[in-house]
Every structure is written in C-alpha cells, then in structure tokens.
Amino acid sequence: PAQDVLPWYGAADAFVLPSLYDPGPNAALEAMACGLPLLTSTSCGARDWVEAGKNGWVTDALDIAALAHALDELCELASQPGARQAARAAVQHLSLDAMSAHLIALYHRLLPAAKV
C-alpha cells in the first residue's frame, strides 16, 4: 500500500480494473475522482459510475477480444478533455463529507426517538 497515491493517478491517462468481482473498489473511486476515465468489468461495482464513451467503458472481464477493443477505445477517450471532467463528476457525490451526511441522515431516520 502507498500512503500518497495522488502522484500515481496524476501520471496516468486512464485507469483499468477488469476485476472478476469487486462490489465497491476504492481504487476506481479514487482514480475517477482524480479525473481518470475508467475501464472496468460487468462484475465490478464501479460499473455503476461509468457512462460508456463519456467517462469510461464496461466489458466482461473474461472476454479478451472485448477487453482489447475497450482498451483501444479507452486510449482514445483518455485524450478527450471532457472525459476527465465526466469521470470526476460521476463520483463527486461520493465524497467523504457527502457519505458522512448520508449516514447521519440514515441514522436519524432509523432511530428517530433514540437519544444519541
């Protein structure tokens, strides 16, 4: 593990995570927050943050031909300035402050009479 991953994301043009299963990968979230278009798999939770052709691509992790094609498409997409903005915008609502606020609101709904 690295303490400061920002330089690594800053040196990249895109992020590729074709996992066989990962319900909520922090690495993909961090990469998109840094403005990196994402290539991920249909069995990865990060697929929900991807708009095909706008901020990344989603494909089957075991389909080698589809992965190769998506990598070519990702390289093209990564050269488009709007793709970085779209990647950031897709995960902006998942910031630590936003997620904390959602959890606190959930606790208040679940425990309205409880004194916390």
N, C-alpha and C. Protein backbone atom coordinates (compact mmCIF):
# COMPACT_ATOMS: atom_id res chain seq x y z
N PRO A 1 0.83 -1.21 0.00
CA PRO A 1 0.00 0.00 0.00
C PRO A 1 0.86 1.26 0.00
N ALA A 2 0.36 2.27 -0.65
CA ALA A 2 1.05 3.56 -0.72
C ALA A 2 0.28 4.59 0.09
N GLN A 3 1.01 5.41 0.83
CA GLN A 3 0.37 6.46 1.63
C GLN A 3 -0.20 7.57 0.75
N ASP A 4 0.51 7.91 -0.31
CA ASP A 4 0.09 9.01 -1.18
C ASP A 4 0.00 8.50 -2.61
N VAL A 5 -1.20 8.21 -3.07
CA VAL A 5 -1.40 7.66 -4.41
C VAL A 5 -1.61 8.75 -5.47
N LEU A 6 -1.78 9.97 -5.04
CA LEU A 6 -2.06 11.06 -5.97
C LEU A 6 -1.02 11.19 -7.08
N PRO A 7 0.29 11.09 -6.80
CA PRO A 7 1.25 11.18 -7.91
C PRO A 7 1.07 10.09 -8.97
N TRP A 8 0.66 8.90 -8.54
CA TRP A 8 0.47 7.80 -9.48
C TRP A 8 -0.75 8.06 -10.36
N TYR A 9 -1.83 8.52 -9.76
CA TYR A 9 -3.01 8.85 -10.56
C TYR A 9 -2.71 10.03 -11.48
N GLY A 10 -1.93 10.98 -10.97
CA GLY A 10 -1.58 12.15 -11.76
C GLY A 10 -0.73 11.82 -12.98
N ALA A 11 0.01 10.73 -12.92
CA ALA A 11 0.86 10.33 -14.04
C ALA A 11 0.10 9.49 -15.07
N ALA A 12 -1.09 9.05 -14.73
CA ALA A 12 -1.85 8.16 -15.60
C ALA A 12 -2.78 8.92 -16.53
N ASP A 13 -3.14 8.27 -17.62
CA ASP A 13 -4.12 8.82 -18.56
C ASP A 13 -5.50 8.21 -18.34
N ALA A 14 -5.53 7.00 -17.80
CA ALA A 14 -6.78 6.28 -17.57
C ALA A 14 -6.53 5.22 -16.50
N PHE A 15 -7.59 4.55 -16.08
CA PHE A 15 -7.48 3.52 -15.05
C PHE A 15 -8.22 2.27 -15.52
N VAL A 16 -7.58 1.12 -15.37
CA VAL A 16 -8.15 -0.14 -15.84
C VAL A 16 -8.27 -1.09 -14.66
N LEU A 17 -9.49 -1.58 -14.40
CA LEU A 17 -9.75 -2.51 -13.31
C LEU A 17 -10.79 -3.53 -13.76
N PRO A 18 -10.36 -4.52 -14.56
CA PRO A 18 -11.31 -5.53 -15.04
C PRO A 18 -11.44 -6.69 -14.05
N SER A 19 -11.87 -6.41 -12.85
CA SER A 19 -11.92 -7.44 -11.80
C SER A 19 -13.03 -8.45 -12.07
N LEU A 20 -12.82 -9.66 -11.57
CA LEU A 20 -13.84 -10.69 -11.68
C LEU A 20 -14.98 -10.42 -10.71
N TYR A 21 -14.66 -9.79 -9.57
CA TYR A 21 -15.70 -9.39 -8.62
C TYR A 21 -15.11 -8.37 -7.65
N ASP A 22 -15.75 -7.25 -7.54
CA ASP A 22 -15.39 -6.23 -6.56
C ASP A 22 -16.58 -5.31 -6.42
N PRO A 23 -17.31 -5.41 -5.31
CA PRO A 23 -18.55 -4.65 -5.18
C PRO A 23 -18.37 -3.14 -5.07
N GLY A 24 -17.23 -2.68 -4.57
CA GLY A 24 -17.04 -1.24 -4.40
C GLY A 24 -15.58 -0.88 -4.30
N PRO A 25 -14.87 -0.88 -5.40
CA PRO A 25 -13.42 -0.68 -5.35
C PRO A 25 -13.02 0.77 -5.07
N ASN A 26 -12.31 0.98 -3.98
CA ASN A 26 -11.82 2.32 -3.65
C ASN A 26 -10.86 2.84 -4.71
N ALA A 27 -10.06 1.95 -5.29
CA ALA A 27 -9.08 2.39 -6.29
C ALA A 27 -9.77 3.02 -7.50
N ALA A 28 -10.86 2.44 -7.94
CA ALA A 28 -11.60 3.01 -9.07
C ALA A 28 -12.22 4.35 -8.69
N LEU A 29 -12.75 4.44 -7.48
CA LEU A 29 -13.32 5.69 -6.98
C LEU A 29 -12.26 6.78 -6.92
N GLU A 30 -11.10 6.45 -6.37
CA GLU A 30 -10.01 7.41 -6.29
C GLU A 30 -9.56 7.86 -7.68
N ALA A 31 -9.43 6.90 -8.58
CA ALA A 31 -8.98 7.23 -9.93
C ALA A 31 -9.95 8.16 -10.64
N MET A 32 -11.23 7.86 -10.53
CA MET A 32 -12.23 8.72 -11.18
C MET A 32 -12.26 10.09 -10.53
N ALA A 33 -12.11 10.14 -9.21
CA ALA A 33 -12.08 11.43 -8.51
C ALA A 33 -10.89 12.27 -8.97
N CYS A 34 -9.83 11.58 -9.41
CA CYS A 34 -8.65 12.27 -9.95
C CYS A 34 -8.81 12.58 -11.44
N GLY A 35 -9.96 12.26 -12.00
CA GLY A 35 -10.23 12.59 -13.39
C GLY A 35 -9.77 11.57 -14.40
N LEU A 36 -9.63 10.32 -13.97
CA LEU A 36 -9.19 9.29 -14.91
C LEU A 36 -10.39 8.51 -15.45
N PRO A 37 -10.55 8.45 -16.76
CA PRO A 37 -11.58 7.58 -17.34
C PRO A 37 -11.29 6.14 -16.92
N LEU A 38 -12.34 5.34 -16.78
CA LEU A 38 -12.22 4.00 -16.20
C LEU A 38 -12.67 2.93 -17.18
N LEU A 39 -11.89 1.86 -17.24
CA LEU A 39 -12.32 0.62 -17.90
C LEU A 39 -12.47 -0.41 -16.80
N THR A 40 -13.68 -0.91 -16.64
CA THR A 40 -13.92 -1.92 -15.61
C THR A 40 -14.80 -3.01 -16.17
N SER A 41 -15.13 -3.97 -15.32
CA SER A 41 -15.87 -5.14 -15.78
C SER A 41 -17.34 -5.10 -15.34
N THR A 42 -18.11 -5.94 -15.97
CA THR A 42 -19.54 -6.03 -15.66
C THR A 42 -19.78 -6.57 -14.25
N SER A 43 -18.78 -7.22 -13.65
CA SER A 43 -18.93 -7.77 -12.31
C SER A 43 -18.29 -6.90 -11.24
N CYS A 44 -18.01 -5.67 -11.58
CA CYS A 44 -17.40 -4.72 -10.65
C CYS A 44 -18.41 -3.62 -10.31
N GLY A 45 -18.52 -3.28 -9.06
CA GLY A 45 -19.47 -2.25 -8.64
C GLY A 45 -19.21 -0.90 -9.26
N ALA A 46 -17.98 -0.64 -9.68
CA ALA A 46 -17.64 0.64 -10.31
C ALA A 46 -18.35 0.81 -11.65
N ARG A 47 -18.90 -0.25 -12.19
CA ARG A 47 -19.63 -0.15 -13.46
C ARG A 47 -20.77 0.86 -13.38
N ASP A 48 -21.30 1.04 -12.19
CA ASP A 48 -22.42 1.96 -12.00
C ASP A 48 -22.01 3.42 -12.17
N TRP A 49 -20.73 3.70 -12.09
CA TRP A 49 -20.25 5.07 -12.22
C TRP A 49 -19.84 5.40 -13.65
N VAL A 50 -19.84 4.39 -14.52
CA VAL A 50 -19.34 4.57 -15.89
C VAL A 50 -20.48 4.81 -16.87
N GLU A 51 -20.32 5.86 -17.66
CA GLU A 51 -21.20 6.12 -18.80
C GLU A 51 -20.36 5.83 -20.04
N ALA A 52 -20.70 4.75 -20.72
CA ALA A 52 -19.90 4.27 -21.85
C ALA A 52 -19.63 5.39 -22.86
N GLY A 53 -18.36 5.55 -23.15
CA GLY A 53 -17.94 6.54 -24.13
C GLY A 53 -17.85 7.95 -23.59
N LYS A 54 -18.33 8.17 -22.38
CA LYS A 54 -18.27 9.51 -21.79
C LYS A 54 -17.16 9.60 -20.75
N ASN A 55 -17.12 8.63 -19.82
CA ASN A 55 -16.08 8.64 -18.79
C ASN A 55 -15.41 7.28 -18.63
N GLY A 56 -15.67 6.39 -19.56
CA GLY A 56 -15.05 5.07 -19.50
C GLY A 56 -15.81 4.03 -20.28
N TRP A 57 -15.48 2.77 -19.98
CA TRP A 57 -16.10 1.63 -20.65
C TRP A 57 -16.27 0.49 -19.67
N VAL A 58 -17.26 -0.35 -19.91
CA VAL A 58 -17.50 -1.55 -19.11
C VAL A 58 -17.56 -2.73 -20.06
N THR A 59 -16.87 -3.81 -19.69
CA THR A 59 -16.88 -5.01 -20.51
C THR A 59 -16.73 -6.24 -19.63
N ASP A 60 -16.94 -7.39 -20.20
CA ASP A 60 -16.77 -8.66 -19.49
C ASP A 60 -15.28 -8.89 -19.25
N ALA A 61 -14.91 -9.17 -18.02
CA ALA A 61 -13.50 -9.34 -17.67
C ALA A 61 -12.87 -10.56 -18.34
N LEU A 62 -13.67 -11.52 -18.75
CA LEU A 62 -13.13 -12.73 -19.35
C LEU A 62 -13.20 -12.74 -20.87
N ASP A 63 -13.76 -11.70 -21.45
CA ASP A 63 -13.85 -11.60 -22.91
C ASP A 63 -12.64 -10.82 -23.42
N ILE A 64 -11.60 -11.54 -23.80
CA ILE A 64 -10.33 -10.92 -24.17
C ILE A 64 -10.48 -9.98 -25.36
N ALA A 65 -11.24 -10.38 -26.36
CA ALA A 65 -11.43 -9.52 -27.53
C ALA A 65 -12.15 -8.23 -27.15
N ALA A 66 -13.16 -8.33 -26.31
CA ALA A 66 -13.89 -7.14 -25.87
C ALA A 66 -13.01 -6.24 -25.01
N LEU A 67 -12.19 -6.85 -24.17
CA LEU A 67 -11.26 -6.07 -23.34
C LEU A 67 -10.25 -5.32 -24.21
N ALA A 68 -9.72 -6.00 -25.20
CA ALA A 68 -8.75 -5.36 -26.10
C ALA A 68 -9.39 -4.20 -26.84
N HIS A 69 -10.61 -4.40 -27.32
CA HIS A 69 -11.32 -3.32 -28.02
C HIS A 69 -11.59 -2.15 -27.06
N ALA A 70 -12.02 -2.47 -25.84
CA ALA A 70 -12.32 -1.43 -24.86
C ALA A 70 -11.05 -0.66 -24.47
N LEU A 71 -9.91 -1.34 -24.41
CA LEU A 71 -8.65 -0.66 -24.13
C LEU A 71 -8.31 0.34 -25.24
N ASP A 72 -8.53 -0.07 -26.48
CA ASP A 72 -8.31 0.86 -27.60
C ASP A 72 -9.24 2.07 -27.47
N GLU A 73 -10.49 1.81 -27.16
CA GLU A 73 -11.47 2.89 -27.00
C GLU A 73 -11.11 3.79 -25.82
N LEU A 74 -10.62 3.19 -24.74
CA LEU A 74 -10.24 3.96 -23.56
C LEU A 74 -9.07 4.90 -23.88
N CYS A 75 -8.12 4.41 -24.65
CA CYS A 75 -6.99 5.27 -25.05
C CYS A 75 -7.48 6.48 -25.83
N GLU A 76 -8.41 6.26 -26.71
CA GLU A 76 -8.99 7.37 -27.48
C GLU A 76 -9.76 8.32 -26.55
N LEU A 77 -10.55 7.76 -25.66
CA LEU A 77 -11.35 8.57 -24.74
C LEU A 77 -10.46 9.39 -23.81
N ALA A 78 -9.37 8.80 -23.35
CA ALA A 78 -8.47 9.48 -22.41
C ALA A 78 -7.85 10.73 -23.00
N SER A 79 -7.83 10.83 -24.31
CA SER A 79 -7.26 12.02 -24.96
C SER A 79 -8.27 13.15 -25.08
N GLN A 80 -9.50 12.90 -24.68
CA GLN A 80 -10.55 13.92 -24.77
C GLN A 80 -10.69 14.64 -23.43
N PRO A 81 -10.54 15.97 -23.41
CA PRO A 81 -10.59 16.72 -22.14
C PRO A 81 -11.89 16.52 -21.36
N GLY A 82 -12.99 16.38 -22.03
CA GLY A 82 -14.27 16.23 -21.33
C GLY A 82 -14.38 14.93 -20.56
N ALA A 83 -13.59 13.93 -20.93
CA ALA A 83 -13.65 12.64 -20.25
C ALA A 83 -13.17 12.76 -18.81
N ARG A 84 -12.16 13.57 -18.58
CA ARG A 84 -11.66 13.77 -17.21
C ARG A 84 -12.72 14.44 -16.33
N GLN A 85 -13.36 15.45 -16.88
CA GLN A 85 -14.42 16.15 -16.13
C GLN A 85 -15.58 15.20 -15.86
N ALA A 86 -15.93 14.38 -16.85
CA ALA A 86 -17.04 13.43 -16.68
C ALA A 86 -16.70 12.38 -15.63
N ALA A 87 -15.44 11.95 -15.58
CA ALA A 87 -15.03 10.97 -14.57
C ALA A 87 -15.18 11.56 -13.17
N ARG A 88 -14.69 12.77 -12.99
CA ARG A 88 -14.81 13.44 -11.68
C ARG A 88 -16.27 13.63 -11.29
N ALA A 89 -17.07 14.10 -12.23
CA ALA A 89 -18.48 14.37 -11.94
C ALA A 89 -19.25 13.11 -11.55
N ALA A 90 -18.86 11.97 -12.11
CA ALA A 90 -19.58 10.72 -11.84
C ALA A 90 -19.46 10.26 -10.40
N VAL A 91 -18.38 10.66 -9.72
CA VAL A 91 -18.17 10.20 -8.35
C VAL A 91 -18.16 11.34 -7.33
N GLN A 92 -18.42 12.53 -7.78
CA GLN A 92 -18.39 13.70 -6.90
C GLN A 92 -19.33 13.54 -5.71
N HIS A 93 -20.46 12.90 -5.94
CA HIS A 93 -21.45 12.72 -4.87
C HIS A 93 -21.01 11.68 -3.83
N LEU A 94 -19.86 11.06 -4.03
CA LEU A 94 -19.36 10.03 -3.13
C LEU A 94 -18.20 10.51 -2.26
N SER A 95 -18.08 11.81 -2.08
CA SER A 95 -17.00 12.35 -1.24
C SER A 95 -17.21 11.91 0.21
N LEU A 96 -16.16 12.00 1.01
CA LEU A 96 -16.28 11.62 2.43
C LEU A 96 -17.34 12.45 3.15
N ASP A 97 -17.36 13.76 2.88
CA ASP A 97 -18.36 14.61 3.52
C ASP A 97 -19.78 14.22 3.11
N ALA A 98 -19.98 13.96 1.83
CA ALA A 98 -21.31 13.58 1.35
C ALA A 98 -21.74 12.24 1.94
N MET A 99 -20.84 11.28 1.97
CA MET A 99 -21.18 9.96 2.51
C MET A 99 -21.44 10.03 4.01
N SER A 100 -20.71 10.86 4.74
CA SER A 100 -20.96 11.05 6.17
C SER A 100 -22.33 11.64 6.40
N ALA A 101 -22.69 12.62 5.61
CA ALA A 101 -24.01 13.25 5.73
C ALA A 101 -25.12 12.23 5.44
N HIS A 102 -24.93 11.37 4.45
CA HIS A 102 -25.93 10.34 4.14
C HIS A 102 -26.08 9.36 5.30
N LEU A 103 -24.97 8.96 5.90
CA LEU A 103 -25.04 8.03 7.02
C LEU A 103 -25.72 8.65 8.23
N ILE A 104 -25.40 9.89 8.52
CA ILE A 104 -26.04 10.57 9.66
C ILE A 104 -27.54 10.70 9.43
N ALA A 105 -27.92 11.05 8.21
CA ALA A 105 -29.35 11.16 7.88
C ALA A 105 -30.04 9.80 8.02
N LEU A 106 -29.36 8.74 7.59
CA LEU A 106 -29.92 7.40 7.73
C LEU A 106 -30.11 7.04 9.19
N TYR A 107 -29.12 7.32 10.02
CA TYR A 107 -29.24 7.02 11.45
C TYR A 107 -30.40 7.78 12.08
N HIS A 108 -30.58 9.03 11.68
CA HIS A 108 -31.70 9.81 12.23
C HIS A 108 -33.05 9.24 11.80
N ARG A 109 -33.13 8.72 10.59
CA ARG A 109 -34.38 8.11 10.12
C ARG A 109 -34.64 6.78 10.84
N LEU A 110 -33.59 6.01 11.06
CA LEU A 110 -33.75 4.69 11.70
C LEU A 110 -33.96 4.78 13.19
N LEU A 111 -33.42 5.82 13.82
CA LEU A 111 -33.52 5.97 15.26
C LEU A 111 -34.10 7.33 15.64
N PRO A 112 -35.31 7.64 15.18
CA PRO A 112 -35.83 9.00 15.42
C PRO A 112 -36.04 9.32 16.90
N ALA A 113 -36.39 8.35 17.68
CA ALA A 113 -36.67 8.63 19.09
C ALA A 113 -35.46 8.37 19.99
N ALA A 114 -34.46 7.73 19.46
CA ALA A 114 -33.29 7.41 20.28
C ALA A 114 -32.46 8.65 20.52
N LYS A 115 -31.92 8.73 21.71
CA LYS A 115 -31.02 9.85 22.04
C LYS A 115 -29.60 9.35 21.82
N VAL A 116 -28.94 10.00 20.90
CA VAL A 116 -27.60 9.54 20.54
C VAL A 116 -26.56 10.42 21.18
